[in-house]
Amino acid sequence: MSEVVAPPISRTYLAPDAPFPVDLTELSLAELHVLHSKVGRQLEREYLAGAAGAHPVTLERHQELTVELDAREIVRPGHTS
């Protein structure tokens, strides 16, 4: 009898089917950067996985995060916390 082992949950990327915050404005800047990093790593995985390119959900999430980070930079330029 073989044991079924679930795949490990990665903490370094965010798959398209993983939960994603509805309102990015509620996140701290640090949380936003971590989420951006995870989505960026997911994009890399998807582009390297095949010719189809990135998943539309991942692309949309990346765009949402970029817009939120840019908006925070405009509102508080040079603010690091």
PDB file of N, CA and C in Angstrom:
ATOM      1  N   MET A   1       0.845  -1.177   0.000  1.00  0.00           N
ATOM      2  CA  MET A   1       0.000   0.000   0.000  1.00  0.00           C
ATOM      3  C   MET A   1       0.890   1.238   0.000  1.00  0.00           C
ATOM      4  N   SER A   2       0.675   2.120  -0.941  1.00  0.00           N
ATOM      5  CA  SER A   2       1.504   3.333  -1.002  1.00  0.00           C
ATOM      6  C   SER A   2       0.778   4.503  -0.334  1.00  0.00           C
ATOM      7  N   GLU A   3       1.564   5.316   0.294  1.00  0.00           N
ATOM      8  CA  GLU A   3       1.024   6.474   1.008  1.00  0.00           C
ATOM      9  C   GLU A   3       0.927   7.659   0.053  1.00  0.00           C
ATOM     10  N   VAL A   4      -0.180   8.371   0.102  1.00  0.00           N
ATOM     11  CA  VAL A   4      -0.351   9.560  -0.720  1.00  0.00           C
ATOM     12  C   VAL A   4       0.211  10.746   0.048  1.00  0.00           C
ATOM     13  N   VAL A   5       1.139  11.432  -0.580  1.00  0.00           N
ATOM     14  CA  VAL A   5       1.776  12.570   0.064  1.00  0.00           C
ATOM     15  C   VAL A   5       1.389  13.828  -0.690  1.00  0.00           C
ATOM     16  N   ALA A   6       0.865  14.787   0.032  1.00  0.00           N
ATOM     17  CA  ALA A   6       0.485  16.056  -0.600  1.00  0.00           C
ATOM     18  C   ALA A   6       1.739  16.828  -0.969  1.00  0.00           C
ATOM     19  N   PRO A   7       1.683  17.573  -2.078  1.00  0.00           N
ATOM     20  CA  PRO A   7       2.840  18.377  -2.442  1.00  0.00           C
ATOM     21  C   PRO A   7       3.095  19.445  -1.382  1.00  0.00           C
ATOM     22  N   PRO A   8       4.366  19.792  -1.185  1.00  0.00           N
ATOM     23  CA  PRO A   8       4.661  20.803  -0.170  1.00  0.00           C
ATOM     24  C   PRO A   8       4.056  22.151  -0.535  1.00  0.00           C
ATOM     25  N   ILE A   9       3.641  22.879   0.482  1.00  0.00           N
ATOM     26  CA  ILE A   9       3.112  24.223   0.264  1.00  0.00           C
ATOM     27  C   ILE A   9       4.295  25.173   0.200  1.00  0.00           C
ATOM     28  N   SER A  10       4.437  25.838  -0.921  1.00  0.00           N
ATOM     29  CA  SER A  10       5.561  26.752  -1.077  1.00  0.00           C
ATOM     30  C   SER A  10       5.259  28.084  -0.425  1.00  0.00           C
ATOM     31  N   ARG A  11       6.241  28.619   0.192  1.00  0.00           N
ATOM     32  CA  ARG A  11       6.105  29.932   0.793  1.00  0.00           C
ATOM     33  C   ARG A  11       6.855  30.970  -0.037  1.00  0.00           C
ATOM     34  N   THR A  12       7.390  30.539  -1.173  1.00  0.00           N
ATOM     35  CA  THR A  12       8.162  31.475  -1.987  1.00  0.00           C
ATOM     36  C   THR A  12       7.465  31.874  -3.279  1.00  0.00           C
ATOM     37  N   TYR A  13       6.330  31.281  -3.585  1.00  0.00           N
ATOM     38  CA  TYR A  13       5.562  31.686  -4.757  1.00  0.00           C
ATOM     39  C   TYR A  13       4.076  31.540  -4.454  1.00  0.00           C
ATOM     40  N   LEU A  14       3.246  32.173  -5.285  1.00  0.00           N
ATOM     41  CA  LEU A  14       1.799  32.155  -5.065  1.00  0.00           C
ATOM     42  C   LEU A  14       1.110  31.646  -6.332  1.00  0.00           C
ATOM     43  N   ALA A  15       0.615  30.430  -6.269  1.00  0.00           N
ATOM     44  CA  ALA A  15      -0.054  29.817  -7.415  1.00  0.00           C
ATOM     45  C   ALA A  15      -1.359  30.546  -7.730  1.00  0.00           C
ATOM     46  N   PRO A  16      -1.808  30.467  -8.975  1.00  0.00           N
ATOM     47  CA  PRO A  16      -3.045  31.165  -9.366  1.00  0.00           C
ATOM     48  C   PRO A  16      -4.274  30.768  -8.557  1.00  0.00           C
ATOM     49  N   ASP A  17      -4.298  29.546  -8.050  1.00  0.00           N
ATOM     50  CA  ASP A  17      -5.463  29.100  -7.278  1.00  0.00           C
ATOM     51  C   ASP A  17      -5.326  29.367  -5.779  1.00  0.00           C
ATOM     52  N   ALA A  18      -4.224  29.973  -5.361  1.00  0.00           N
ATOM     53  CA  ALA A  18      -4.015  30.303  -3.946  1.00  0.00           C
ATOM     54  C   ALA A  18      -4.801  31.556  -3.581  1.00  0.00           C
ATOM     55  N   PRO A  19      -5.201  31.680  -2.330  1.00  0.00           N
ATOM     56  CA  PRO A  19      -5.935  32.877  -1.897  1.00  0.00           C
ATOM     57  C   PRO A  19      -5.114  34.150  -2.133  1.00  0.00           C
ATOM     58  N   PHE A  20      -5.841  35.213  -2.462  1.00  0.00           N
ATOM     59  CA  PHE A  20      -5.216  36.510  -2.743  1.00  0.00           C
ATOM     60  C   PHE A  20      -6.091  37.583  -2.096  1.00  0.00           C
ATOM     61  N   PRO A  21      -5.477  38.569  -1.443  1.00  0.00           N
ATOM     62  CA  PRO A  21      -6.273  39.611  -0.774  1.00  0.00           C
ATOM     63  C   PRO A  21      -7.187  40.361  -1.741  1.00  0.00           C
ATOM     64  N   VAL A  22      -8.384  40.648  -1.292  1.00  0.00           N
ATOM     65  CA  VAL A  22      -9.336  41.401  -2.097  1.00  0.00           C
ATOM     66  C   VAL A  22      -8.943  42.872  -2.144  1.00  0.00           C
ATOM     67  N   ASP A  23      -8.492  43.397  -1.013  1.00  0.00           N
ATOM     68  CA  ASP A  23      -8.142  44.814  -0.920  1.00  0.00           C
ATOM     69  C   ASP A  23      -6.678  44.965  -0.526  1.00  0.00           C
ATOM     70  N   LEU A  24      -5.841  45.300  -1.488  1.00  0.00           N
ATOM     71  CA  LEU A  24      -4.405  45.431  -1.235  1.00  0.00           C
ATOM     72  C   LEU A  24      -4.072  46.635  -0.363  1.00  0.00           C
ATOM     73  N   THR A  25      -4.969  47.595  -0.285  1.00  0.00           N
ATOM     74  CA  THR A  25      -4.705  48.784   0.532  1.00  0.00           C
ATOM     75  C   THR A  25      -4.687  48.455   2.023  1.00  0.00           C
ATOM     76  N   GLU A  26      -5.237  47.313   2.396  1.00  0.00           N
ATOM     77  CA  GLU A  26      -5.253  46.910   3.799  1.00  0.00           C
ATOM     78  C   GLU A  26      -3.932  46.282   4.251  1.00  0.00           C
ATOM     79  N   LEU A  27      -3.047  45.971   3.318  1.00  0.00           N
ATOM     80  CA  LEU A  27      -1.771  45.346   3.647  1.00  0.00           C
ATOM     81  C   LEU A  27      -0.734  46.391   4.030  1.00  0.00           C
ATOM     82  N   SER A  28       0.158  46.003   4.924  1.00  0.00           N
ATOM     83  CA  SER A  28       1.294  46.873   5.230  1.00  0.00           C
ATOM     84  C   SER A  28       2.230  46.860   4.020  1.00  0.00           C
ATOM     85  N   LEU A  29       3.143  47.801   3.984  1.00  0.00           N
ATOM     86  CA  LEU A  29       4.094  47.849   2.878  1.00  0.00           C
ATOM     87  C   LEU A  29       4.936  46.575   2.846  1.00  0.00           C
ATOM     88  N   ALA A  30       5.338  46.081   4.001  1.00  0.00           N
ATOM     89  CA  ALA A  30       6.133  44.852   4.058  1.00  0.00           C
ATOM     90  C   ALA A  30       5.332  43.665   3.508  1.00  0.00           C
ATOM     91  N   GLU A  31       4.066  43.554   3.903  1.00  0.00           N
ATOM     92  CA  GLU A  31       3.218  42.466   3.396  1.00  0.00           C
ATOM     93  C   GLU A  31       3.037  42.577   1.886  1.00  0.00           C
ATOM     94  N   LEU A  32       2.899  43.792   1.410  1.00  0.00           N
ATOM     95  CA  LEU A  32       2.738  44.029  -0.020  1.00  0.00           C
ATOM     96  C   LEU A  32       3.990  43.596  -0.787  1.00  0.00           C
ATOM     97  N   HIS A  33       5.160  43.919  -0.255  1.00  0.00           N
ATOM     98  CA  HIS A  33       6.413  43.519  -0.899  1.00  0.00           C
ATOM     99  C   HIS A  33       6.582  42.002  -0.917  1.00  0.00           C
ATOM    100  N   VAL A  34       6.209  41.346   0.176  1.00  0.00           N
ATOM    101  CA  VAL A  34       6.305  39.889   0.225  1.00  0.00           C
ATOM    102  C   VAL A  34       5.374  39.271  -0.811  1.00  0.00           C
ATOM    103  N   LEU A  35       4.158  39.758  -0.889  1.00  0.00           N
ATOM    104  CA  LEU A  35       3.193  39.245  -1.858  1.00  0.00           C
ATOM    105  C   LEU A  35       3.682  39.487  -3.282  1.00  0.00           C
ATOM    106  N   HIS A  36       4.240  40.662  -3.533  1.00  0.00           N
ATOM    107  CA  HIS A  36       4.791  40.984  -4.858  1.00  0.00           C
ATOM    108  C   HIS A  36       5.923  40.017  -5.215  1.00  0.00           C
ATOM    109  N   SER A  37       6.760  39.714  -4.258  1.00  0.00           N
ATOM    110  CA  SER A  37       7.856  38.775  -4.486  1.00  0.00           C
ATOM    111  C   SER A  37       7.331  37.386  -4.843  1.00  0.00           C
ATOM    112  N   LYS A  38       6.329  36.922  -4.110  1.00  0.00           N
ATOM    113  CA  LYS A  38       5.748  35.607  -4.378  1.00  0.00           C
ATOM    114  C   LYS A  38       5.115  35.536  -5.766  1.00  0.00           C
ATOM    115  N   VAL A  39       4.394  36.578  -6.135  1.00  0.00           N
ATOM    116  CA  VAL A  39       3.757  36.597  -7.457  1.00  0.00           C
ATOM    117  C   VAL A  39       4.825  36.688  -8.548  1.00  0.00           C
ATOM    118  N   GLY A  40       5.872  37.467  -8.306  1.00  0.00           N
ATOM    119  CA  GLY A  40       6.972  37.553  -9.268  1.00  0.00           C
ATOM    120  C   GLY A  40       7.647  36.208  -9.473  1.00  0.00           C
ATOM    121  N   ARG A  41       7.854  35.477  -8.389  1.00  0.00           N
ATOM    122  CA  ARG A  41       8.458  34.143  -8.512  1.00  0.00           C
ATOM    123  C   ARG A  41       7.517  33.182  -9.246  1.00  0.00           C
ATOM    124  N   GLN A  42       6.222  33.335  -9.030  1.00  0.00           N
ATOM    125  CA  GLN A  42       5.257  32.506  -9.751  1.00  0.00           C
ATOM    126  C   GLN A  42       5.314  32.807 -11.247  1.00  0.00           C
ATOM    127  N   LEU A  43       5.428  34.081 -11.600  1.00  0.00           N
ATOM    128  CA  LEU A  43       5.569  34.450 -13.011  1.00  0.00           C
ATOM    129  C   LEU A  43       6.782  33.769 -13.635  1.00  0.00           C
ATOM    130  N   GLU A  44       7.899  33.793 -12.929  1.00  0.00           N
ATOM    131  CA  GLU A  44       9.108  33.135 -13.426  1.00  0.00           C
ATOM    132  C   GLU A  44       8.869  31.654 -13.653  1.00  0.00           C
ATOM    133  N   ARG A  45       8.223  30.995 -12.698  1.00  0.00           N
ATOM    134  CA  ARG A  45       7.930  29.566 -12.826  1.00  0.00           C
ATOM    135  C   ARG A  45       7.070  29.291 -14.059  1.00  0.00           C
ATOM    136  N   GLU A  46       6.048  30.130 -14.253  1.00  0.00           N
ATOM    137  CA  GLU A  46       5.134  29.902 -15.372  1.00  0.00           C
ATOM    138  C   GLU A  46       5.806  30.158 -16.711  1.00  0.00           C
ATOM    139  N   TYR A  47       6.621  31.185 -16.801  1.00  0.00           N
ATOM    140  CA  TYR A  47       7.319  31.459 -18.066  1.00  0.00           C
ATOM    141  C   TYR A  47       8.331  30.368 -18.384  1.00  0.00           C
ATOM    142  N   LEU A  48       8.959  29.808 -17.362  1.00  0.00           N
ATOM    143  CA  LEU A  48       9.942  28.755 -17.577  1.00  0.00           C
ATOM    144  C   LEU A  48       9.302  27.400 -17.833  1.00  0.00           C
ATOM    145  N   ALA A  49       8.053  27.235 -17.423  1.00  0.00           N
ATOM    146  CA  ALA A  49       7.377  25.943 -17.525  1.00  0.00           C
ATOM    147  C   ALA A  49       6.963  25.590 -18.952  1.00  0.00           C
ATOM    148  N   GLY A  50       6.745  26.574 -19.790  1.00  0.00           N
ATOM    149  CA  GLY A  50       6.311  26.232 -21.132  1.00  0.00           C
ATOM    150  C   GLY A  50       6.080  27.440 -22.013  1.00  0.00           C
ATOM    151  N   ALA A  51       5.805  27.155 -23.247  1.00  0.00           N
ATOM    152  CA  ALA A  51       5.636  28.206 -24.247  1.00  0.00           C
ATOM    153  C   ALA A  51       4.341  28.998 -24.078  1.00  0.00           C
ATOM    154  N   ALA A  52       3.412  28.478 -23.299  1.00  0.00           N
ATOM    155  CA  ALA A  52       2.122  29.162 -23.121  1.00  0.00           C
ATOM    156  C   ALA A  52       2.262  30.468 -22.357  1.00  0.00           C
ATOM    157  N   GLY A  53       3.341  30.618 -21.616  1.00  0.00           N
ATOM    158  CA  GLY A  53       3.547  31.850 -20.855  1.00  0.00           C
ATOM    159  C   GLY A  53       2.853  31.822 -19.520  1.00  0.00           C
ATOM    160  N   ALA A  54       2.671  32.990 -18.961  1.00  0.00           N
ATOM    161  CA  ALA A  54       2.112  33.104 -17.619  1.00  0.00           C
ATOM    162  C   ALA A  54       0.592  32.937 -17.614  1.00  0.00           C
ATOM    163  N   HIS A  55       0.100  32.474 -16.495  1.00  0.00           N
ATOM    164  CA  HIS A  55      -1.334  32.306 -16.284  1.00  0.00           C
ATOM    165  C   HIS A  55      -1.978  33.699 -16.194  1.00  0.00           C
ATOM    166  N   PRO A  56      -3.148  33.896 -16.780  1.00  0.00           N
ATOM    167  CA  PRO A  56      -3.812  35.205 -16.725  1.00  0.00           C
ATOM    168  C   PRO A  56      -4.049  35.721 -15.305  1.00  0.00           C
ATOM    169  N   VAL A  57      -4.347  34.829 -14.373  1.00  0.00           N
ATOM    170  CA  VAL A  57      -4.566  35.252 -12.986  1.00  0.00           C
ATOM    171  C   VAL A  57      -3.269  35.802 -12.395  1.00  0.00           C
ATOM    172  N   THR A  58      -2.159  35.146 -12.675  1.00  0.00           N
ATOM    173  CA  THR A  58      -0.874  35.608 -12.166  1.00  0.00           C
ATOM    174  C   THR A  58      -0.518  36.961 -12.761  1.00  0.00           C
ATOM    175  N   LEU A  59      -0.754  37.129 -14.043  1.00  0.00           N
ATOM    176  CA  LEU A  59      -0.482  38.416 -14.690  1.00  0.00           C
ATOM    177  C   LEU A  59      -1.333  39.530 -14.090  1.00  0.00           C
ATOM    178  N   GLU A  60      -2.595  39.240 -13.841  1.00  0.00           N
ATOM    179  CA  GLU A  60      -3.490  40.242 -13.257  1.00  0.00           C
ATOM    180  C   GLU A  60      -3.052  40.600 -11.836  1.00  0.00           C
ATOM    181  N   ARG A  61      -2.688  39.598 -11.066  1.00  0.00           N
ATOM    182  CA  ARG A  61      -2.221  39.855  -9.697  1.00  0.00           C
ATOM    183  C   ARG A  61      -0.956  40.713  -9.707  1.00  0.00           C
ATOM    184  N   HIS A  62      -0.056  40.394 -10.605  1.00  0.00           N
ATOM    185  CA  HIS A  62       1.189  41.169 -10.693  1.00  0.00           C
ATOM    186  C   HIS A  62       0.885  42.625 -11.027  1.00  0.00           C
ATOM    187  N   GLN A  63      -0.036  42.839 -11.941  1.00  0.00           N
ATOM    188  CA  GLN A  63      -0.416  44.202 -12.321  1.00  0.00           C
ATOM    189  C   GLN A  63      -1.059  44.935 -11.138  1.00  0.00           C
ATOM    190  N   GLU A  64      -1.948  44.282 -10.418  1.00  0.00           N
ATOM    191  CA  GLU A  64      -2.592  44.899  -9.258  1.00  0.00           C
ATOM    192  C   GLU A  64      -1.566  45.295  -8.203  1.00  0.00           C
ATOM    193  N   LEU A  65      -0.610  44.417  -7.944  1.00  0.00           N
ATOM    194  CA  LEU A  65       0.430  44.704  -6.959  1.00  0.00           C
ATOM    195  C   LEU A  65       1.315  45.864  -7.407  1.00  0.00           C
ATOM    196  N   THR A  66       1.663  45.883  -8.675  1.00  0.00           N
ATOM    197  CA  THR A  66       2.494  46.968  -9.203  1.00  0.00           C
ATOM    198  C   THR A  66       1.779  48.303  -9.084  1.00  0.00           C
ATOM    199  N   VAL A  67       0.506  48.333  -9.405  1.00  0.00           N
ATOM    200  CA  VAL A  67      -0.284  49.566  -9.299  1.00  0.00           C
ATOM    201  C   VAL A  67      -0.331  50.040  -7.846  1.00  0.00           C
ATOM    202  N   GLU A  68      -0.551  49.114  -6.915  1.00  0.00           N
ATOM    203  CA  GLU A  68      -0.621  49.493  -5.498  1.00  0.00           C
ATOM    204  C   GLU A  68       0.737  49.993  -4.998  1.00  0.00           C
ATOM    205  N   LEU A  69       1.809  49.326  -5.365  1.00  0.00           N
ATOM    206  CA  LEU A  69       3.141  49.790  -4.950  1.00  0.00           C
ATOM    207  C   LEU A  69       3.447  51.167  -5.537  1.00  0.00           C
ATOM    208  N   ASP A  70       3.111  51.364  -6.807  1.00  0.00           N
ATOM    209  CA  ASP A  70       3.333  52.670  -7.445  1.00  0.00           C
ATOM    210  C   ASP A  70       2.504  53.756  -6.764  1.00  0.00           C
ATOM    211  N   ALA A  71       1.265  53.441  -6.436  1.00  0.00           N
ATOM    212  CA  ALA A  71       0.393  54.416  -5.778  1.00  0.00           C
ATOM    213  C   ALA A  71       0.962  54.824  -4.420  1.00  0.00           C
ATOM    214  N   ARG A  72       1.494  53.876  -3.703  1.00  0.00           N
ATOM    215  CA  ARG A  72       2.077  54.201  -2.396  1.00  0.00           C
ATOM    216  C   ARG A  72       3.332  55.046  -2.544  1.00  0.00           C
ATOM    217  N   GLU A  73       4.091  54.820  -3.587  1.00  0.00           N
ATOM    218  CA  GLU A  73       5.295  55.621  -3.823  1.00  0.00           C
ATOM    219  C   GLU A  73       4.921  57.054  -4.179  1.00  0.00           C
ATOM    220  N   ILE A  74       3.860  57.233  -4.919  1.00  0.00           N
ATOM    221  CA  ILE A  74       3.409  58.579  -5.295  1.00  0.00           C
ATOM    222  C   ILE A  74       2.904  59.334  -4.071  1.00  0.00           C
ATOM    223  N   VAL A  75       2.143  58.648  -3.224  1.00  0.00           N
ATOM    224  CA  VAL A  75       1.560  59.272  -2.037  1.00  0.00           C
ATOM    225  C   VAL A  75       2.637  59.613  -1.010  1.00  0.00           C
ATOM    226  N   ARG A  76       3.585  58.715  -0.827  1.00  0.00           N
ATOM    227  CA  ARG A  76       4.612  58.906   0.203  1.00  0.00           C
ATOM    228  C   ARG A  76       5.995  58.589  -0.365  1.00  0.00           C
ATOM    229  N   PRO A  77       6.521  59.412  -1.265  1.00  0.00           N
ATOM    230  CA  PRO A  77       7.826  59.124  -1.852  1.00  0.00           C
ATOM    231  C   PRO A  77       8.920  59.086  -0.783  1.00  0.00           C
ATOM    232  N   GLY A  78       9.775  58.087  -0.884  1.00  0.00           N
ATOM    233  CA  GLY A  78      10.881  57.956   0.044  1.00  0.00           C
ATOM    234  C   GLY A  78      10.530  57.340   1.376  1.00  0.00           C
ATOM    235  N   HIS A  79       9.241  57.073   1.633  1.00  0.00           N
ATOM    236  CA  HIS A  79       8.803  56.480   2.893  1.00  0.00           C
ATOM    237  C   HIS A  79       9.121  54.985   2.853  1.00  0.00           C
ATOM    238  N   THR A  80       9.798  54.463   3.856  1.00  0.00           N
ATOM    239  CA  THR A  80      10.256  53.076   3.816  1.00  0.00           C
ATOM    240  C   THR A  80       9.505  52.138   4.744  1.00  0.00           C
ATOM    241  N   SER A  81       8.515  52.594   5.473  1.00  0.00           N
ATOM    242  CA  SER A  81       7.824  51.665   6.371  1.00  0.00           C
ATOM    243  C   SER A  81       6.411  51.421   5.938  1.00  0.00           C
TER     244      SER A  81
END
